[in-house]
Every structure is written in C-alpha cells, then in structure tokens.
Protein backbone atom coordinates (compact mmCIF):
# COMPACT_ATOMS: atom_id res chain seq x y z
CA MET A 1 122.22 251.63 113.78
CA ILE A 2 119.00 250.88 111.89
CA ALA A 3 120.93 250.35 108.66
CA LYS A 4 123.33 248.02 110.47
CA TYR A 5 120.60 245.68 111.70
CA GLY A 6 118.14 246.27 108.86
CA LEU A 7 119.38 243.34 106.79
CA ALA A 8 119.26 240.97 109.77
CA VAL A 9 115.70 242.02 110.59
CA ALA A 10 114.65 241.65 106.94
CA VAL A 11 116.12 238.15 106.77
CA VAL A 12 114.23 237.10 109.89
CA PHE A 13 110.90 238.40 108.61
CA LEU A 14 111.32 237.12 105.05
CA ALA A 15 112.65 233.66 105.92
CA GLY A 16 109.20 232.08 105.89
CA CYS A 17 108.09 233.55 102.58
CA SER A 18 107.47 230.66 100.23
CA ARG A 19 104.58 229.18 98.37
CA ALA A 20 101.93 227.80 100.72
CA PRO A 21 101.29 224.06 100.37
CA SER A 22 97.95 223.32 98.78
CA PHE A 23 96.02 220.43 97.24
CA ASP A 24 94.30 220.41 93.89
CA VAL A 25 90.77 219.04 94.32
CA GLU A 26 88.64 219.12 91.16
CA GLY A 27 90.50 222.16 89.88
CA SER A 28 90.24 224.14 93.13
CA LEU A 29 93.28 224.68 95.32
CA PHE A 30 92.65 224.03 99.00
CA PRO A 31 95.25 225.07 101.55
CA ALA A 32 96.97 222.29 103.46
CA TRP A 33 96.06 223.81 106.81
CA LEU A 34 92.39 223.29 106.00
CA LEU A 35 92.96 219.59 105.46
CA CYS A 36 95.00 219.39 108.69
CA LEU A 37 92.21 221.16 110.58
CA ALA A 38 89.54 218.77 109.29
CA VAL A 39 91.64 215.72 110.19
CA GLY A 40 92.48 217.25 113.59
CA ILE A 41 88.80 217.78 114.40
CA ALA A 42 88.01 214.22 113.31
CA ALA A 43 90.88 212.91 115.47
CA ALA A 44 89.59 214.84 118.48
CA ALA A 45 86.11 213.43 117.89
CA LEU A 46 87.55 209.91 117.69
CA ALA A 47 89.64 210.52 120.83
CA ARG A 48 86.46 211.30 122.75
CA TRP A 49 85.39 207.67 122.56
CA PRO A 50 88.28 206.18 124.61
CA ILE A 51 88.14 209.11 127.02
CA THR A 52 84.50 208.43 127.84
CA ARG A 53 85.05 204.65 127.72
CA LEU A 54 87.80 204.84 130.36
CA ASP A 55 85.72 207.24 132.50
CA ILE A 56 88.44 209.90 132.56
CA PRO A 57 87.01 212.93 134.36
CA ILE A 58 87.21 216.13 132.31
CA VAL A 59 86.59 219.30 134.27
CA PHE A 60 86.35 221.78 131.37
CA PRO A 61 85.34 219.92 128.20
CA VAL A 62 84.83 223.22 126.42
CA LEU A 63 88.60 223.73 126.70
CA VAL A 64 89.83 220.16 126.45
CA TYR A 65 88.29 219.08 123.15
CA PRO A 66 89.22 222.20 121.11
CA SER A 67 92.72 222.00 122.57
CA LEU A 68 92.94 218.36 121.57
CA ALA A 69 91.76 219.22 118.06
CA LEU A 70 94.35 221.99 117.78
CA ALA A 71 97.11 219.73 119.09
CA CYS A 72 96.24 217.13 116.45
CA THR A 73 96.07 219.82 113.77
CA PHE A 74 99.44 221.32 114.64
CA GLY A 75 100.99 217.88 114.97
CA LEU A 76 99.81 216.93 111.49
CA TRP A 77 101.07 220.21 110.07
CA LEU A 78 104.50 219.80 111.64
CA THR A 79 104.72 216.16 110.61
CA PHE A 80 103.82 216.56 106.95
CA PHE A 81 104.56 220.17 105.96
CA GLN A 82 107.61 221.35 107.90
C-alpha cells in the first residue's frame, strides 16, 4: 500500500521545489519575500493614517496592525510571484 501511494505523496511534496525568486542588489541576492515584507510593513504604516483620520475604533491594535502588514505582504507575494 505504501508503494502504491508513494509516488503520489512524493509528487505532492516535491511540486513546490523550484528556485526561489530573488533580486540582485549590488551583487547580493535578496529573497523576494524580504522585499514583500518590507513593502507590507510600509503599507500597514501608511494604512494607519486613514484609520486614525476616520476615527475607526480599533480594540486590539497589537493584533490589527501586524495582521494588516501580513495581509499586505501575502497579497504582494501572491500578486507578483505566484
């Protein structure tokens, strides 16, 4: 039974194996996720301005702003690298 499904399991686990996207900056290769994370944090910081300007009440800012940064990061990753 293991031999029967072994190939299917191997295909599932090896499907994502490819070269990671990276950027060459002054001879150093930076991973694309690092760029997406930096832009996501900057987008969350910029999103704070309209949130405070519109007086939107935020109960747990310690959860909201990191979640917003991660949502921006994952959105950028999915938009440009998938």
